[in-house]
Structure formats: C-alpha cells, structure tokens
C-alpha cells in the first residue's frame, strides 16, 4: 500500500492493525524523552523499526552540531542494546549530519540521509519517519531523492499548535530551513506540536520508579536513572514539598502509531509552512497535512509502562 498523498488513506493506515514500518531520527543525547521513545518503539508489537539515525543538536550538552550528533549516535546504540543486545543485527544505526542545512535546497550528505533514501526505496508500503530532533537528516534525504516521498510519511515532533504565537520550539528552531523543506516539498506530514500538544505527555520520578525501577531490567533502571539526573529527586525541606513533572515529548510519535484515534486527536488541515521568523503560514498549495490537536496523557503513559514491562519480562 502506498499513500497516494491522500491524508484520509494515511489515517486509515494508522488506524489499521497492519504493522507499521518506522525509521527513527533522533537527537538522543539532547534530552531524556528520545530514550523513552526508542524503547517504546522497539518493544511495541505493531512497529517494525527499519533503522535509527542520529540528528545533530547544539546546546549546553554539546560543543556543536557535530558533537551533538555523535553523542546522540552513541546514546542511541546504548538504548538499543539495553532493550535487545541482538537488535544490532536488524536495527542498524547511522550517523547523521554534522551541520545544519544552510537553505531549503541544499542537503547535508550523511550516512543517515543516504540510508533513509535507500531503506525507503527498498521497503514495500508506507514508511513512517519519526523526526525526534532537528529535521536536517530527513530534509536532506528528501532533497537527495524526492521520489521517496511517494512512500514516506513524516511524523514530525516539533513546531507548536496553530494557536501558539510561533513555532520556535527546540527541534524546529535548530534548523528552520530543513523544516521548510519538509513542509513545502510535498511529503505527507503529521505534526505533533510541542506547545498545545505533546507538552501534555508528562510523568514524574515517583510514577516512573513505581512502574519501572527493579521491574523492567537494566532498561527500566536506566530510564529512572536519567530521569533523576535530569530532574533531581523529590524533596521535602522544612515542611516544604518539592516535586517535578517531566514532559516526555517524543513518545507522541510512537503513540500515534499505536493508538491513532484512541489517544490522539488527528485532524486534516491545509498544508502550512513557516515564515522566516518561525511562524505558521498557510502554504496555499491545495495540499493537506495532519495536525494532532490533543493527546490523552494517561492512556499513552499507561501503554508506555505496560509495553516496557511486558517487553522486559519476556
């Protein structure tokens, strides 16, 4: 089955019991949500991961885009091997771009971009590509071989809802040119926005430890460990309680593949792109895209914990 650029047909495929082919493009070392998403996808019985690719990022956790990509590549392998030490045989990982696209027509060649092209061309049926970081690798692949878009659907974790003042959350702001390429080239896009969307998918240290610590192998303990490192642990000082809630943004892409209508509000809307300053604008192309308008937090997190527990208890 190919999508024929028909958004209704893509929604029909998402709702079907058919196993979904997936490529994960992730800035895995940037935050802790990527690790959750990779583990969730690997242990989901309705998802076939074809490959994982490392996206660049630049912030306090990296020296530059290339360093961010390399650290993400190493973390991606670490999580893959925690989940399944034998997965290296059928889930290859590829290094991505060492810099960002300078404009909307110039790709950055990398192992990731070239293998995204190759894998999609070699795979029968629809291939979902989850953009969990800067969109450079995916946009570059589309520029290297535009023919792949006839079988490709981008699950874009980024931007913000139409009601938000702008789209400048981290993933999109890292490489606006790459974002414009994806929005404007014609590939089907499902936008899973940060503000007004995935910001609602949260957990806490206490919930995470209740379900996973000592109950889901090394993987469960590691997810608890990185949560505590990132957020600290709940405290009580002088009668004042201090707790925290963590957004696990990236598992939204996996939740869409597992419960498209049940857990997410997917709506077909006119195709949009972004302006130079990162605001939404109607592309006025006659094309359409899909926007997620809401997420059922408790249903998604319940499924996440169940999948991780069952996967590691086999």
C-alpha atoms as a PDB file:
ATOM      1  CA  UNK A   1       0.000   0.000   0.000  1.00  0.00           C
ATOM      2  CA  UNK A   2       1.206   3.490  -0.927  1.00  0.00           C
ATOM      3  CA  UNK A   3      -0.434   6.607   0.475  1.00  0.00           C
ATOM      4  CA  UNK A   4      -1.007   8.400  -2.845  1.00  0.00           C
ATOM      5  CA  UNK A   5      -0.615  11.692  -0.904  1.00  0.00           C
ATOM      6  CA  UNK A   6      -4.130  11.088   0.400  1.00  0.00           C
ATOM      7  CA  UNK A   7      -4.431  12.107   4.058  1.00  0.00           C
ATOM      8  CA  UNK A   8      -7.593  10.053   4.577  1.00  0.00           C
ATOM      9  CA  UNK A   9      -5.738   6.989   3.316  1.00  0.00           C
ATOM     10  CA  UNK A  10      -2.879   7.693   5.738  1.00  0.00           C
ATOM     11  CA  UNK A  11      -5.338   7.967   8.637  1.00  0.00           C
ATOM     12  CA  UNK A  12      -6.905   4.682   7.520  1.00  0.00           C
ATOM     13  CA  UNK A  13      -3.474   3.037   7.563  1.00  0.00           C
ATOM     14  CA  UNK A  14      -2.698   4.427  11.023  1.00  0.00           C
ATOM     15  CA  UNK A  15      -5.985   3.002  12.332  1.00  0.00           C
ATOM     16  CA  UNK A  16      -5.392  -0.422  10.801  1.00  0.00           C
ATOM     17  CA  UNK A  17      -3.839  -3.382  12.663  1.00  0.00           C
ATOM     18  CA  UNK A  18      -1.136  -3.570   9.988  1.00  0.00           C
ATOM     19  CA  UNK A  19       2.404  -3.472  11.356  1.00  0.00           C
ATOM     20  CA  UNK A  20       3.952  -0.046  10.792  1.00  0.00           C
ATOM     21  CA  UNK A  21       7.402   0.392   9.223  1.00  0.00           C
ATOM     22  CA  UNK A  22       9.383   3.059  11.074  1.00  0.00           C
ATOM     23  CA  UNK A  23      12.687   4.917  10.825  1.00  0.00           C
ATOM     24  CA  UNK A  24      13.593   6.896  13.959  1.00  0.00           C
ATOM     25  CA  UNK A  25      15.665  10.074  13.515  1.00  0.00           C
ATOM     26  CA  UNK A  26      16.653  11.243  16.979  1.00  0.00           C
ATOM     27  CA  UNK A  27      18.857  13.699  18.879  1.00  0.00           C
ATOM     28  CA  UNK A  28      19.010  11.014  21.543  1.00  0.00           C
ATOM     29  CA  UNK A  29      21.508  12.692  23.884  1.00  0.00           C
ATOM     30  CA  UNK A  30      19.778  16.080  23.918  1.00  0.00           C
ATOM     31  CA  UNK A  31      17.033  15.212  26.408  1.00  0.00           C
ATOM     32  CA  UNK A  32      15.710  12.049  28.045  1.00  0.00           C
ATOM     33  CA  UNK A  33      12.487  11.684  26.046  1.00  0.00           C
ATOM     34  CA  UNK A  34      14.233  10.175  22.997  1.00  0.00           C
ATOM     35  CA  UNK A  35      15.399   7.201  25.060  1.00  0.00           C
ATOM     36  CA  UNK A  36      11.813   6.586  26.160  1.00  0.00           C
ATOM     37  CA  UNK A  37      10.575   6.775  22.561  1.00  0.00           C
ATOM     38  CA  UNK A  38      13.212   4.370  21.213  1.00  0.00           C
ATOM     39  CA  UNK A  39      12.498   1.795  23.912  1.00  0.00           C
ATOM     40  CA  UNK A  40       8.726   2.166  23.415  1.00  0.00           C
ATOM     41  CA  UNK A  41       9.048   1.639  19.664  1.00  0.00           C
ATOM     42  CA  UNK A  42      11.425  -1.319  19.931  1.00  0.00           C
ATOM     43  CA  UNK A  43       9.129  -3.166  22.341  1.00  0.00           C
ATOM     44  CA  UNK A  44       5.865  -2.384  20.501  1.00  0.00           C
ATOM     45  CA  UNK A  45       4.436  -5.415  18.729  1.00  0.00           C
ATOM     46  CA  UNK A  46       2.863  -3.361  15.924  1.00  0.00           C
ATOM     47  CA  UNK A  47       6.034  -1.489  14.903  1.00  0.00           C
ATOM     48  CA  UNK A  48       8.858  -2.683  12.650  1.00  0.00           C
ATOM     49  CA  UNK A  49      11.907  -0.450  13.153  1.00  0.00           C
ATOM     50  CA  UNK A  50      13.920  -0.378   9.943  1.00  0.00           C
ATOM     51  CA  UNK A  51      16.762   1.829  11.205  1.00  0.00           C
ATOM     52  CA  UNK A  52      17.686   4.650  13.565  1.00  0.00           C
ATOM     53  CA  UNK A  53      19.596   7.771  12.600  1.00  0.00           C
ATOM     54  CA  UNK A  54      21.332  10.367  14.775  1.00  0.00           C
ATOM     55  CA  UNK A  55      20.285  14.001  14.412  1.00  0.00           C
ATOM     56  CA  UNK A  56      22.537  16.984  15.175  1.00  0.00           C
ATOM     57  CA  UNK A  57      21.889  19.324  18.071  1.00  0.00           C
ATOM     58  CA  UNK A  58      23.691  22.183  19.770  1.00  0.00           C
ATOM     59  CA  UNK A  59      23.143  23.360  23.342  1.00  0.00           C
ATOM     60  CA  UNK A  60      24.734  23.060  26.799  1.00  0.00           C
ATOM     61  CA  UNK A  61      25.079  19.270  26.288  1.00  0.00           C
ATOM     62  CA  UNK A  62      27.159  19.526  23.108  1.00  0.00           C
ATOM     63  CA  UNK A  63      30.048  21.562  21.747  1.00  0.00           C
ATOM     64  CA  UNK A  64      28.471  21.949  18.315  1.00  0.00           C
ATOM     65  CA  UNK A  65      26.040  20.215  15.946  1.00  0.00           C
ATOM     66  CA  UNK A  66      28.562  17.516  15.010  1.00  0.00           C
ATOM     67  CA  UNK A  67      29.335  16.728  18.650  1.00  0.00           C
ATOM     68  CA  UNK A  68      25.623  16.583  19.444  1.00  0.00           C
ATOM     69  CA  UNK A  69      25.068  14.157  16.595  1.00  0.00           C
ATOM     70  CA  UNK A  70      27.936  11.892  17.669  1.00  0.00           C
ATOM     71  CA  UNK A  71      26.772  11.799  21.291  1.00  0.00           C
ATOM     72  CA  UNK A  72      23.263  11.024  20.070  1.00  0.00           C
ATOM     73  CA  UNK A  73      24.600   8.193  17.923  1.00  0.00           C
ATOM     74  CA  UNK A  74      26.384   6.633  20.908  1.00  0.00           C
ATOM     75  CA  UNK A  75      23.354   7.035  23.192  1.00  0.00           C
ATOM     76  CA  UNK A  76      21.081   5.536  20.527  1.00  0.00           C
ATOM     77  CA  UNK A  77      23.241   2.406  20.372  1.00  0.00           C
ATOM     78  CA  UNK A  78      23.295   2.233  24.181  1.00  0.00           C
ATOM     79  CA  UNK A  79      19.485   2.253  24.403  1.00  0.00           C
ATOM     80  CA  UNK A  80      19.116  -0.207  21.523  1.00  0.00           C
ATOM     81  CA  UNK A  81      21.459  -2.640  23.260  1.00  0.00           C
ATOM     82  CA  UNK A  82      19.726  -2.204  26.622  1.00  0.00           C
ATOM     83  CA  UNK A  83      16.417  -3.157  25.022  1.00  0.00           C
ATOM     84  CA  UNK A  84      17.788  -6.009  22.921  1.00  0.00           C
ATOM     85  CA  UNK A  85      21.502  -6.891  22.652  1.00  0.00           C
ATOM     86  CA  UNK A  86      20.723  -8.796  19.443  1.00  0.00           C
ATOM     87  CA  UNK A  87      18.973  -5.845  17.784  1.00  0.00           C
ATOM     88  CA  UNK A  88      22.187  -4.671  16.098  1.00  0.00           C
ATOM     89  CA  UNK A  89      21.570  -7.447  13.591  1.00  0.00           C
ATOM     90  CA  UNK A  90      18.276  -5.965  12.353  1.00  0.00           C
ATOM     91  CA  UNK A  91      18.132  -2.356  13.590  1.00  0.00           C
ATOM     92  CA  UNK A  92      21.151  -0.547  12.155  1.00  0.00           C
ATOM     93  CA  UNK A  93      22.108   2.899  13.473  1.00  0.00           C
ATOM     94  CA  UNK A  94      23.624   5.583  11.246  1.00  0.00           C
ATOM     95  CA  UNK A  95      25.472   8.811  11.948  1.00  0.00           C
ATOM     96  CA  UNK A  96      23.657  11.883  10.698  1.00  0.00           C
ATOM     97  CA  UNK A  97      24.508  15.400   9.574  1.00  0.00           C
ATOM     98  CA  UNK A  98      27.433  17.189  11.189  1.00  0.00           C
ATOM     99  CA  UNK A  99      25.911  20.585  10.374  1.00  0.00           C
ATOM    100  CA  UNK A 100      22.558  22.142   9.554  1.00  0.00           C
ATOM    101  CA  UNK A 101      21.085  22.814   6.110  1.00  0.00           C
ATOM    102  CA  UNK A 102      22.033  26.390   5.093  1.00  0.00           C
ATOM    103  CA  UNK A 103      18.921  26.873   2.959  1.00  0.00           C
ATOM    104  CA  UNK A 104      15.881  24.946   1.728  1.00  0.00           C
ATOM    105  CA  UNK A 105      17.527  23.444  -1.372  1.00  0.00           C
ATOM    106  CA  UNK A 106      20.982  22.339  -0.159  1.00  0.00           C
ATOM    107  CA  UNK A 107      21.113  18.920   1.532  1.00  0.00           C
ATOM    108  CA  UNK A 108      23.774  17.833   4.001  1.00  0.00           C
ATOM    109  CA  UNK A 109      25.037  14.423   2.931  1.00  0.00           C
ATOM    110  CA  UNK A 110      25.436  11.838   5.669  1.00  0.00           C
ATOM    111  CA  UNK A 111      25.096   8.124   6.345  1.00  0.00           C
ATOM    112  CA  UNK A 112      21.686   8.910   7.775  1.00  0.00           C
ATOM    113  CA  UNK A 113      20.304  10.785   4.773  1.00  0.00           C
ATOM    114  CA  UNK A 114      21.660   8.285   2.264  1.00  0.00           C
ATOM    115  CA  UNK A 115      20.320   5.295   4.203  1.00  0.00           C
ATOM    116  CA  UNK A 116      16.908   6.867   4.715  1.00  0.00           C
ATOM    117  CA  UNK A 117      16.703   7.070   0.921  1.00  0.00           C
ATOM    118  CA  UNK A 118      17.955   3.515   0.430  1.00  0.00           C
ATOM    119  CA  UNK A 119      15.722   1.923   3.048  1.00  0.00           C
ATOM    120  CA  UNK A 120      12.547   3.628   1.873  1.00  0.00           C
ATOM    121  CA  UNK A 121      13.234   2.645  -1.733  1.00  0.00           C
ATOM    122  CA  UNK A 122      13.855  -0.984  -0.706  1.00  0.00           C
ATOM    123  CA  UNK A 123      10.773  -1.259   1.531  1.00  0.00           C
ATOM    124  CA  UNK A 124       7.297  -2.178   0.321  1.00  0.00           C
ATOM    125  CA  UNK A 125       4.476   0.024   1.550  1.00  0.00           C
ATOM    126  CA  UNK A 126       4.360   3.134   3.692  1.00  0.00           C
ATOM    127  CA  UNK A 127       7.415   4.051   5.778  1.00  0.00           C
ATOM    128  CA  UNK A 128       6.898   6.418   8.705  1.00  0.00           C
ATOM    129  CA  UNK A 129       9.922   8.538   9.606  1.00  0.00           C
ATOM    130  CA  UNK A 130       9.785   9.924  13.147  1.00  0.00           C
ATOM    131  CA  UNK A 131      11.546  13.280  13.404  1.00  0.00           C
ATOM    132  CA  UNK A 132      12.539  13.480  17.080  1.00  0.00           C
ATOM    133  CA  UNK A 133      15.242  16.135  16.675  1.00  0.00           C
ATOM    134  CA  UNK A 134      16.375  18.747  14.166  1.00  0.00           C
ATOM    135  CA  UNK A 135      14.901  17.858  10.784  1.00  0.00           C
ATOM    136  CA  UNK A 136      18.198  18.032   8.845  1.00  0.00           C
ATOM    137  CA  UNK A 137      18.681  14.335   8.042  1.00  0.00           C
ATOM    138  CA  UNK A 138      15.111  13.869   6.837  1.00  0.00           C
ATOM    139  CA  UNK A 139      15.002  17.038   4.749  1.00  0.00           C
ATOM    140  CA  UNK A 140      18.381  16.154   3.219  1.00  0.00           C
ATOM    141  CA  UNK A 141      17.117  12.691   2.262  1.00  0.00           C
ATOM    142  CA  UNK A 142      14.102  14.242   0.539  1.00  0.00           C
ATOM    143  CA  UNK A 143      16.368  16.568  -1.423  1.00  0.00           C
ATOM    144  CA  UNK A 144      18.775  13.764  -2.363  1.00  0.00           C
ATOM    145  CA  UNK A 145      15.929  11.695  -3.834  1.00  0.00           C
ATOM    146  CA  UNK A 146      12.444  13.294  -3.923  1.00  0.00           C
ATOM    147  CA  UNK A 147      10.955  10.030  -5.222  1.00  0.00           C
ATOM    148  CA  UNK A 148      10.944   8.606  -1.694  1.00  0.00           C
ATOM    149  CA  UNK A 149       8.069  10.863  -0.688  1.00  0.00           C
ATOM    150  CA  UNK A 150       5.606   8.649  -2.556  1.00  0.00           C
ATOM    151  CA  UNK A 151       6.017   6.025   0.210  1.00  0.00           C
ATOM    152  CA  UNK A 152       7.102   8.250   3.097  1.00  0.00           C
ATOM    153  CA  UNK A 153       5.146   9.907   5.919  1.00  0.00           C
ATOM    154  CA  UNK A 154       6.958  12.258   8.323  1.00  0.00           C
ATOM    155  CA  UNK A 155       5.883  12.090  11.981  1.00  0.00           C
ATOM    156  CA  UNK A 156       7.209  15.486  12.980  1.00  0.00           C
ATOM    157  CA  UNK A 157       7.582  16.033  16.719  1.00  0.00           C
ATOM    158  CA  UNK A 158       8.015  19.772  16.758  1.00  0.00           C
ATOM    159  CA  UNK A 159       6.593  23.192  15.956  1.00  0.00           C
ATOM    160  CA  UNK A 160       3.634  24.372  18.054  1.00  0.00           C
ATOM    161  CA  UNK A 161      -0.125  24.420  17.647  1.00  0.00           C
ATOM    162  CA  UNK A 162      -1.692  26.939  15.285  1.00  0.00           C
ATOM    163  CA  UNK A 163      -2.914  28.898  18.319  1.00  0.00           C
ATOM    164  CA  UNK A 164       0.617  29.456  19.637  1.00  0.00           C
ATOM    165  CA  UNK A 165       2.421  32.700  18.829  1.00  0.00           C
ATOM    166  CA  UNK A 166       5.245  30.951  16.932  1.00  0.00           C
ATOM    167  CA  UNK A 167       6.798  27.562  16.092  1.00  0.00           C
ATOM    168  CA  UNK A 168      10.193  28.148  17.628  1.00  0.00           C
ATOM    169  CA  UNK A 169      10.443  25.135  19.881  1.00  0.00           C
ATOM    170  CA  UNK A 170      13.846  23.426  20.009  1.00  0.00           C
ATOM    171  CA  UNK A 171      13.562  20.888  17.183  1.00  0.00           C
ATOM    172  CA  UNK A 172      12.277  23.335  14.584  1.00  0.00           C
ATOM    173  CA  UNK A 173      14.417  26.284  15.673  1.00  0.00           C
ATOM    174  CA  UNK A 174      17.602  24.202  15.287  1.00  0.00           C
ATOM    175  CA  UNK A 175      17.174  24.146  11.502  1.00  0.00           C
ATOM    176  CA  UNK A 176      14.297  26.218  10.109  1.00  0.00           C
ATOM    177  CA  UNK A 177      15.487  25.639   6.546  1.00  0.00           C
ATOM    178  CA  UNK A 178      15.094  21.877   6.978  1.00  0.00           C
ATOM    179  CA  UNK A 179      11.633  22.407   8.452  1.00  0.00           C
ATOM    180  CA  UNK A 180      10.604  24.494   5.445  1.00  0.00           C
ATOM    181  CA  UNK A 181      11.905  21.826   3.081  1.00  0.00           C
ATOM    182  CA  UNK A 182       9.714  19.194   4.736  1.00  0.00           C
ATOM    183  CA  UNK A 183       6.635  21.408   4.836  1.00  0.00           C
ATOM    184  CA  UNK A 184       6.994  22.654   1.262  1.00  0.00           C
ATOM    185  CA  UNK A 185       8.336  19.683  -0.748  1.00  0.00           C
ATOM    186  CA  UNK A 186       5.079  17.718  -0.833  1.00  0.00           C
ATOM    187  CA  UNK A 187       5.838  14.806   1.503  1.00  0.00           C
ATOM    188  CA  UNK A 188       2.881  13.914   3.775  1.00  0.00           C
ATOM    189  CA  UNK A 189       3.436  15.359   7.245  1.00  0.00           C
ATOM    190  CA  UNK A 190       1.807  14.618  10.592  1.00  0.00           C
ATOM    191  CA  UNK A 191       2.643  17.447  13.007  1.00  0.00           C
ATOM    192  CA  UNK A 192       2.803  16.555  16.702  1.00  0.00           C
ATOM    193  CA  UNK A 193       3.168  20.049  18.175  1.00  0.00           C
ATOM    194  CA  UNK A 194       5.027  20.890  21.377  1.00  0.00           C
ATOM    195  CA  UNK A 195       3.015  23.761  22.844  1.00  0.00           C
ATOM    196  CA  UNK A 196      -0.655  22.879  22.620  1.00  0.00           C
ATOM    197  CA  UNK A 197       0.074  19.192  22.118  1.00  0.00           C
ATOM    198  CA  UNK A 198       2.863  16.917  23.319  1.00  0.00           C
ATOM    199  CA  UNK A 199       3.549  19.180  26.315  1.00  0.00           C
ATOM    200  CA  UNK A 200       0.705  17.273  27.980  1.00  0.00           C
ATOM    201  CA  UNK A 201       2.524  13.907  27.895  1.00  0.00           C
ATOM    202  CA  UNK A 202       4.198  14.003  31.293  1.00  0.00           C
ATOM    203  CA  UNK A 203       5.450  11.748  34.054  1.00  0.00           C
ATOM    204  CA  UNK A 204       7.100  12.085  37.450  1.00  0.00           C
ATOM    205  CA  UNK A 205      10.027  10.457  39.225  1.00  0.00           C
ATOM    206  CA  UNK A 206       7.652   8.665  41.596  1.00  0.00           C
ATOM    207  CA  UNK A 207       5.464   7.266  38.799  1.00  0.00           C
ATOM    208  CA  UNK A 208       8.469   6.169  36.773  1.00  0.00           C
ATOM    209  CA  UNK A 209      10.085   4.393  39.707  1.00  0.00           C
ATOM    210  CA  UNK A 210       6.784   2.781  40.765  1.00  0.00           C
ATOM    211  CA  UNK A 211       6.329   1.106  37.377  1.00  0.00           C
ATOM    212  CA  UNK A 212       9.893   0.502  36.198  1.00  0.00           C
ATOM    213  CA  UNK A 213      12.570   0.502  38.898  1.00  0.00           C
ATOM    214  CA  UNK A 214      13.572  -3.090  39.532  1.00  0.00           C
ATOM    215  CA  UNK A 215      10.706  -4.271  37.340  1.00  0.00           C
ATOM    216  CA  UNK A 216      11.956  -3.819  33.765  1.00  0.00           C
ATOM    217  CA  UNK A 217      15.578  -4.933  33.746  1.00  0.00           C
ATOM    218  CA  UNK A 218      18.535  -2.650  33.065  1.00  0.00           C
ATOM    219  CA  UNK A 219      16.386  -0.573  30.733  1.00  0.00           C
ATOM    220  CA  UNK A 220      13.847   0.315  33.415  1.00  0.00           C
ATOM    221  CA  UNK A 221      16.560   1.188  35.917  1.00  0.00           C
ATOM    222  CA  UNK A 222      18.375   3.312  33.327  1.00  0.00           C
ATOM    223  CA  UNK A 223      15.243   5.318  32.478  1.00  0.00           C
ATOM    224  CA  UNK A 224      14.765   6.019  36.182  1.00  0.00           C
ATOM    225  CA  UNK A 225      18.429   6.994  36.498  1.00  0.00           C
ATOM    226  CA  UNK A 226      18.402   9.529  33.672  1.00  0.00           C
ATOM    227  CA  UNK A 227      15.119  10.972  34.947  1.00  0.00           C
ATOM    228  CA  UNK A 228      16.676  11.593  38.361  1.00  0.00           C
ATOM    229  CA  UNK A 229      19.828  13.057  36.795  1.00  0.00           C
ATOM    230  CA  UNK A 230      17.770  15.403  34.628  1.00  0.00           C
ATOM    231  CA  UNK A 231      15.118  16.482  37.114  1.00  0.00           C
ATOM    232  CA  UNK A 232      16.502  15.656  40.548  1.00  0.00           C
ATOM    233  CA  UNK A 233      14.556  13.626  43.090  1.00  0.00           C
ATOM    234  CA  UNK A 234      11.503  14.729  45.093  1.00  0.00           C
ATOM    235  CA  UNK A 235      12.485  16.534  48.286  1.00  0.00           C
ATOM    236  CA  UNK A 236      10.980  17.869  51.478  1.00  0.00           C
ATOM    237  CA  UNK A 237      12.799  20.676  53.243  1.00  0.00           C
ATOM    238  CA  UNK A 238      11.428  22.382  56.305  1.00  0.00           C
ATOM    239  CA  UNK A 239       7.968  21.057  55.652  1.00  0.00           C
ATOM    240  CA  UNK A 240       8.017  22.274  52.027  1.00  0.00           C
ATOM    241  CA  UNK A 241       7.483  19.556  49.428  1.00  0.00           C
ATOM    242  CA  UNK A 242       9.371  19.846  46.149  1.00  0.00           C
ATOM    243  CA  UNK A 243       8.329  17.719  43.223  1.00  0.00           C
ATOM    244  CA  UNK A 244       8.585  17.958  39.440  1.00  0.00           C
ATOM    245  CA  UNK A 245       6.830  16.852  36.290  1.00  0.00           C
ATOM    246  CA  UNK A 246       8.750  15.918  33.162  1.00  0.00           C
ATOM    247  CA  UNK A 247       7.422  16.166  29.609  1.00  0.00           C
ATOM    248  CA  UNK A 248       8.216  13.051  27.555  1.00  0.00           C
ATOM    249  CA  UNK A 249       7.593  14.744  24.207  1.00  0.00           C
ATOM    250  CA  UNK A 250       8.924  12.176  21.761  1.00  0.00           C
ATOM    251  CA  UNK A 251       6.820   9.178  22.716  1.00  0.00           C
ATOM    252  CA  UNK A 252       3.993  11.002  20.922  1.00  0.00           C
ATOM    253  CA  UNK A 253       5.285   9.656  17.609  1.00  0.00           C
ATOM    254  CA  UNK A 254       5.057   6.088  18.872  1.00  0.00           C
ATOM    255  CA  UNK A 255       1.652   6.679  20.467  1.00  0.00           C
ATOM    256  CA  UNK A 256       0.273   7.814  17.098  1.00  0.00           C
ATOM    257  CA  UNK A 257       1.374   4.518  15.550  1.00  0.00           C
ATOM    258  CA  UNK A 258      -0.209   2.559  18.400  1.00  0.00           C
ATOM    259  CA  UNK A 259      -3.469   4.429  19.044  1.00  0.00           C
ATOM    260  CA  UNK A 260      -4.050   6.984  16.313  1.00  0.00           C
ATOM    261  CA  UNK A 261      -7.676   7.804  17.102  1.00  0.00           C
ATOM    262  CA  UNK A 262      -7.903   6.454  20.633  1.00  0.00           C
ATOM    263  CA  UNK A 263      -5.100   8.550  22.149  1.00  0.00           C
ATOM    264  CA  UNK A 264      -4.576  11.487  19.772  1.00  0.00           C
ATOM    265  CA  UNK A 265      -6.847  13.985  18.058  1.00  0.00           C
ATOM    266  CA  UNK A 266      -5.663  13.923  14.447  1.00  0.00           C
ATOM    267  CA  UNK A 267      -7.218  16.475  12.108  1.00  0.00           C
ATOM    268  CA  UNK A 268      -6.648  17.040   8.393  1.00  0.00           C
ATOM    269  CA  UNK A 269      -5.815  20.703   7.766  1.00  0.00           C
ATOM    270  CA  UNK A 270      -4.444  22.799   4.868  1.00  0.00           C
ATOM    271  CA  UNK A 271      -0.707  22.424   4.332  1.00  0.00           C
ATOM    272  CA  UNK A 272       1.235  25.046   6.257  1.00  0.00           C
ATOM    273  CA  UNK A 273       4.857  26.151   6.279  1.00  0.00           C
ATOM    274  CA  UNK A 274       6.801  28.620   8.416  1.00  0.00           C
ATOM    275  CA  UNK A 275       7.921  32.196   7.866  1.00  0.00           C
ATOM    276  CA  UNK A 276      11.496  33.422   8.218  1.00  0.00           C
ATOM    277  CA  UNK A 277      10.888  34.182  11.892  1.00  0.00           C
ATOM    278  CA  UNK A 278       9.336  30.785  12.582  1.00  0.00           C
ATOM    279  CA  UNK A 279       5.601  31.479  12.495  1.00  0.00           C
ATOM    280  CA  UNK A 280       2.936  29.382  10.769  1.00  0.00           C
ATOM    281  CA  UNK A 281       1.580  30.477   7.405  1.00  0.00           C
ATOM    282  CA  UNK A 282      -0.827  28.761   5.017  1.00  0.00           C
ATOM    283  CA  UNK A 283       1.145  27.423   2.052  1.00  0.00           C
ATOM    284  CA  UNK A 284      -1.936  27.871  -0.184  1.00  0.00           C
ATOM    285  CA  UNK A 285      -0.834  24.878  -2.255  1.00  0.00           C
ATOM    286  CA  UNK A 286      -4.080  22.952  -2.204  1.00  0.00           C
ATOM    287  CA  UNK A 287      -2.258  20.177  -0.340  1.00  0.00           C
ATOM    288  CA  UNK A 288      -3.093  18.952   3.152  1.00  0.00           C
ATOM    289  CA  UNK A 289      -1.302  17.806   6.269  1.00  0.00           C
ATOM    290  CA  UNK A 290      -2.371  16.275   9.580  1.00  0.00           C
ATOM    291  CA  UNK A 291      -2.202  18.139  12.898  1.00  0.00           C
ATOM    292  CA  UNK A 292      -2.545  16.462  16.307  1.00  0.00           C
ATOM    293  CA  UNK A 293      -4.829  18.678  18.361  1.00  0.00           C
ATOM    294  CA  UNK A 294      -4.730  16.776  21.659  1.00  0.00           C
ATOM    295  CA  UNK A 295      -3.172  13.781  23.416  1.00  0.00           C
ATOM    296  CA  UNK A 296      -4.627  11.530  26.127  1.00  0.00           C
ATOM    297  CA  UNK A 297      -1.789  11.627  28.606  1.00  0.00           C
ATOM    298  CA  UNK A 298      -2.898   8.857  30.963  1.00  0.00           C
ATOM    299  CA  UNK A 299      -3.741   6.396  28.176  1.00  0.00           C
ATOM    300  CA  UNK A 300      -0.380   6.983  26.472  1.00  0.00           C
ATOM    301  CA  UNK A 301       1.710   6.702  29.633  1.00  0.00           C
ATOM    302  CA  UNK A 302      -0.238   3.613  30.747  1.00  0.00           C
ATOM    303  CA  UNK A 303       0.511   1.947  27.425  1.00  0.00           C
ATOM    304  CA  UNK A 304       4.156   3.021  27.602  1.00  0.00           C
ATOM    305  CA  UNK A 305       4.684   1.435  31.026  1.00  0.00           C
ATOM    306  CA  UNK A 306       2.793  -1.703  30.020  1.00  0.00           C
ATOM    307  CA  UNK A 307       4.842  -2.151  26.836  1.00  0.00           C
ATOM    308  CA  UNK A 308       8.158  -1.623  28.641  1.00  0.00           C
ATOM    309  CA  UNK A 309       7.243  -4.009  31.465  1.00  0.00           C
ATOM    310  CA  UNK A 310       5.942  -6.754  29.189  1.00  0.00           C
ATOM    311  CA  UNK A 311       8.864  -6.426  26.826  1.00  0.00           C
ATOM    312  CA  UNK A 312      11.480  -6.763  29.525  1.00  0.00           C
ATOM    313  CA  UNK A 313       9.667  -9.562  31.385  1.00  0.00           C
ATOM    314  CA  UNK A 314       9.628 -11.947  28.421  1.00  0.00           C
END
